[in-house]
Structure formats: C-alpha cells, structure tokens
C-alpha cells in the first residue's frame, strides 16, 4: 500500500514538473519566435 502511495505521489509530482516545464518552454519558445520574427522582418 505504501509503495503504491509513494508511486502515485512521484507520478503526480512528475506531472506537475512536466506542466511547469511545458509552460516555461512555451513562454521561452514564444519569446524566441518573436525575436526571430523581429530579426527576419527588418
């Protein structure tokens, strides 16, 4: 029982980390894309 609980906690934590990373990378990606557009349209 304890093993299953620990496993699900680890999974939940992993999901949170992935969500945060995805949000971070989406923002970073948008900024890079905006910079790229600014450079290429000049």
PDB file of N, CA and C in Angstrom:
ATOM      1  N   UNK A   1       0.833  -1.208   0.000  1.00  0.00           N
ATOM      2  CA  UNK A   1       0.000   0.000   0.000  1.00  0.00           C
ATOM      3  C   UNK A   1       0.869   1.261   0.000  1.00  0.00           C
ATOM      4  N   UNK A   2       1.855   1.257   0.864  1.00  0.00           N
ATOM      5  CA  UNK A   2       2.745   2.424   0.950  1.00  0.00           C
ATOM      6  C   UNK A   2       3.490   2.640  -0.369  1.00  0.00           C
ATOM      7  N   UNK A   3       3.895   1.533  -0.982  1.00  0.00           N
ATOM      8  CA  UNK A   3       4.627   1.593  -2.250  1.00  0.00           C
ATOM      9  C   UNK A   3       3.778   2.264  -3.322  1.00  0.00           C
ATOM     10  N   UNK A   4       2.490   1.861  -3.391  1.00  0.00           N
ATOM     11  CA  UNK A   4       1.571   2.428  -4.381  1.00  0.00           C
ATOM     12  C   UNK A   4       1.387   3.923  -4.118  1.00  0.00           C
ATOM     13  N   UNK A   5       1.253   4.268  -2.847  1.00  0.00           N
ATOM     14  CA  UNK A   5       1.071   5.681  -2.486  1.00  0.00           C
ATOM     15  C   UNK A   5       2.278   6.510  -2.911  1.00  0.00           C
ATOM     16  N   UNK A   6       3.471   6.009  -2.594  1.00  0.00           N
ATOM     17  CA  UNK A   6       4.697   6.716  -2.978  1.00  0.00           C
ATOM     18  C   UNK A   6       4.790   6.851  -4.487  1.00  0.00           C
ATOM     19  N   UNK A   7       4.428   5.779  -5.182  1.00  0.00           N
ATOM     20  CA  UNK A   7       4.487   5.793  -6.642  1.00  0.00           C
ATOM     21  C   UNK A   7       3.552   6.854  -7.217  1.00  0.00           C
ATOM     22  N   UNK A   8       2.325   6.915  -6.707  1.00  0.00           N
ATOM     23  CA  UNK A   8       1.361   7.884  -7.232  1.00  0.00           C
ATOM     24  C   UNK A   8       1.787   9.308  -6.887  1.00  0.00           C
ATOM     25  N   UNK A   9       2.427   9.475  -5.732  1.00  0.00           N
ATOM     26  CA  UNK A   9       2.936  10.795  -5.356  1.00  0.00           C
ATOM     27  C   UNK A   9       4.026  11.213  -6.335  1.00  0.00           C
ATOM     28  N   UNK A  10       4.924  10.267  -6.651  1.00  0.00           N
ATOM     29  CA  UNK A  10       6.013  10.543  -7.589  1.00  0.00           C
ATOM     30  C   UNK A  10       5.441  10.895  -8.958  1.00  0.00           C
ATOM     31  N   UNK A  11       4.395  10.162  -9.370  1.00  0.00           N
ATOM     32  CA  UNK A  11       3.764  10.416 -10.669  1.00  0.00           C
ATOM     33  C   UNK A  11       3.138  11.800 -10.693  1.00  0.00           C
ATOM     34  N   UNK A  12       2.430  12.149  -9.605  1.00  0.00           N
ATOM     35  CA  UNK A  12       1.778  13.459  -9.525  1.00  0.00           C
ATOM     36  C   UNK A  12       2.819  14.568  -9.572  1.00  0.00           C
ATOM     37  N   UNK A  13       3.916  14.368  -8.863  1.00  0.00           N
ATOM     38  CA  UNK A  13       4.997  15.354  -8.848  1.00  0.00           C
ATOM     39  C   UNK A  13       5.603  15.481 -10.239  1.00  0.00           C
ATOM     40  N   UNK A  14       5.805  14.338 -10.891  1.00  0.00           N
ATOM     41  CA  UNK A  14       6.342  14.339 -12.242  1.00  0.00           C
ATOM     42  C   UNK A  14       5.446  15.110 -13.197  1.00  0.00           C
ATOM     43  N   UNK A  15       4.128  14.908 -13.064  1.00  0.00           N
ATOM     44  CA  UNK A  15       3.170  15.617 -13.915  1.00  0.00           C
ATOM     45  C   UNK A  15       3.279  17.121 -13.690  1.00  0.00           C
ATOM     46  N   UNK A  16       3.377  17.527 -12.417  1.00  0.00           N
ATOM     47  CA  UNK A  16       3.493  18.953 -12.095  1.00  0.00           C
ATOM     48  C   UNK A  16       4.747  19.544 -12.714  1.00  0.00           C
ATOM     49  N   UNK A  17       5.857  18.826 -12.569  1.00  0.00           N
ATOM     50  CA  UNK A  17       7.131  19.305 -13.120  1.00  0.00           C
ATOM     51  C   UNK A  17       7.034  19.437 -14.635  1.00  0.00           C
ATOM     52  N   UNK A  18       6.419  18.443 -15.269  1.00  0.00           N
ATOM     53  CA  UNK A  18       6.261  18.472 -16.727  1.00  0.00           C
ATOM     54  C   UNK A  18       5.396  19.660 -17.137  1.00  0.00           C
ATOM     55  N   UNK A  19       4.301  19.898 -16.391  1.00  0.00           N
ATOM     56  CA  UNK A  19       3.425  21.029 -16.701  1.00  0.00           C
ATOM     57  C   UNK A  19       4.181  22.335 -16.603  1.00  0.00           C
ATOM     58  N   UNK A  20       4.942  22.496 -15.517  1.00  0.00           N
ATOM     59  CA  UNK A  20       5.708  23.728 -15.314  1.00  0.00           C
ATOM     60  C   UNK A  20       6.735  23.905 -16.426  1.00  0.00           C
ATOM     61  N   UNK A  21       7.446  22.816 -16.759  1.00  0.00           N
ATOM     62  CA  UNK A  21       8.446  22.886 -17.820  1.00  0.00           C
ATOM     63  C   UNK A  21       7.813  23.252 -19.150  1.00  0.00           C
ATOM     64  N   UNK A  22       6.664  22.625 -19.445  1.00  0.00           N
ATOM     65  CA  UNK A  22       5.977  22.926 -20.710  1.00  0.00           C
ATOM     66  C   UNK A  22       5.565  24.388 -20.762  1.00  0.00           C
ATOM     67  N   UNK A  23       5.043  24.902 -19.623  1.00  0.00           N
ATOM     68  CA  UNK A  23       4.629  26.301 -19.582  1.00  0.00           C
ATOM     69  C   UNK A  23       5.843  27.190 -19.800  1.00  0.00           C
ATOM     70  N   UNK A  24       6.960  26.843 -19.131  1.00  0.00           N
ATOM     71  CA  UNK A  24       8.191  27.621 -19.252  1.00  0.00           C
ATOM     72  C   UNK A  24       8.703  27.604 -20.691  1.00  0.00           C
ATOM     73  N   UNK A  25       8.718  26.408 -21.288  1.00  0.00           N
ATOM     74  CA  UNK A  25       9.233  26.295 -22.647  1.00  0.00           C
ATOM     75  C   UNK A  25       8.318  26.975 -23.655  1.00  0.00           C
ATOM     76  N   UNK A  26       6.989  26.957 -23.381  1.00  0.00           N
ATOM     77  CA  UNK A  26       6.064  27.649 -24.277  1.00  0.00           C
ATOM     78  C   UNK A  26       6.364  29.139 -24.271  1.00  0.00           C
ATOM     79  N   UNK A  27       6.574  29.701 -23.088  1.00  0.00           N
ATOM     80  CA  UNK A  27       6.892  31.133 -22.969  1.00  0.00           C
ATOM     81  C   UNK A  27       8.220  31.420 -23.649  1.00  0.00           C
ATOM     82  N   UNK A  28       9.212  30.590 -23.357  1.00  0.00           N
ATOM     83  CA  UNK A  28      10.531  30.782 -23.948  1.00  0.00           C
ATOM     84  C   UNK A  28      10.455  30.660 -25.466  1.00  0.00           C
ATOM     85  N   UNK A  29       9.684  29.681 -25.938  1.00  0.00           N
ATOM     86  CA  UNK A  29       9.513  29.479 -27.367  1.00  0.00           C
ATOM     87  C   UNK A  29       8.860  30.683 -28.038  1.00  0.00           C
ATOM     88  N   UNK A  30       7.849  31.244 -27.366  1.00  0.00           N
ATOM     89  CA  UNK A  30       7.170  32.416 -27.911  1.00  0.00           C
ATOM     90  C   UNK A  30       8.122  33.600 -27.983  1.00  0.00           C
ATOM     91  N   UNK A  31       8.935  33.774 -26.942  1.00  0.00           N
ATOM     92  CA  UNK A  31       9.896  34.876 -26.933  1.00  0.00           C
ATOM     93  C   UNK A  31      10.929  34.701 -28.045  1.00  0.00           C
ATOM     94  N   UNK A  32      11.428  33.476 -28.194  1.00  0.00           N
ATOM     95  CA  UNK A  32      12.401  33.207 -29.262  1.00  0.00           C
ATOM     96  C   UNK A  32      11.776  33.455 -30.630  1.00  0.00           C
ATOM     97  N   UNK A  33      10.533  33.020 -30.789  1.00  0.00           N
ATOM     98  CA  UNK A  33       9.829  33.195 -32.053  1.00  0.00           C
ATOM     99  C   UNK A  33       9.634  34.676 -32.357  1.00  0.00           C
ATOM    100  N   UNK A  34       9.270  35.435 -31.333  1.00  0.00           N
ATOM    101  CA  UNK A  34       9.081  36.883 -31.501  1.00  0.00           C
ATOM    102  C   UNK A  34      10.403  37.545 -31.888  1.00  0.00           C
ATOM    103  N   UNK A  35      11.479  37.157 -31.220  1.00  0.00           N
ATOM    104  CA  UNK A  35      12.801  37.694 -31.543  1.00  0.00           C
ATOM    105  C   UNK A  35      13.193  37.343 -32.966  1.00  0.00           C
ATOM    106  N   UNK A  36      12.947  36.093 -33.359  1.00  0.00           N
ATOM    107  CA  UNK A  36      13.281  35.626 -34.696  1.00  0.00           C
ATOM    108  C   UNK A  36      12.510  36.425 -35.744  1.00  0.00           C
ATOM    109  N   UNK A  37      11.214  36.645 -35.480  1.00  0.00           N
ATOM    110  CA  UNK A  37      10.392  37.425 -36.401  1.00  0.00           C
ATOM    111  C   UNK A  37      10.900  38.854 -36.505  1.00  0.00           C
ATOM    112  N   UNK A  38      11.263  39.431 -35.376  1.00  0.00           N
ATOM    113  CA  UNK A  38      11.766  40.812 -35.364  1.00  0.00           C
ATOM    114  C   UNK A  38      13.046  40.919 -36.184  1.00  0.00           C
ATOM    115  N   UNK A  39      13.907  39.916 -36.072  1.00  0.00           N
ATOM    116  CA  UNK A  39      15.186  39.931 -36.808  1.00  0.00           C
ATOM    117  C   UNK A  39      14.944  39.727 -38.304  1.00  0.00           C
ATOM    118  N   UNK A  40      14.059  38.801 -38.657  1.00  0.00           N
ATOM    119  CA  UNK A  40      13.873  38.455 -40.071  1.00  0.00           C
ATOM    120  C   UNK A  40      13.045  39.489 -40.831  1.00  0.00           C
ATOM    121  N   UNK A  41      12.238  40.282 -40.113  1.00  0.00           N
ATOM    122  CA  UNK A  41      11.386  41.253 -40.819  1.00  0.00           C
ATOM    123  C   UNK A  41      12.092  42.580 -41.025  1.00  0.00           C
ATOM    124  N   UNK A  42      13.275  42.761 -40.452  1.00  0.00           N
ATOM    125  CA  UNK A  42      13.996  44.030 -40.613  1.00  0.00           C
ATOM    126  C   UNK A  42      14.602  44.150 -42.005  1.00  0.00           C
TER     127      UNK A  42
END
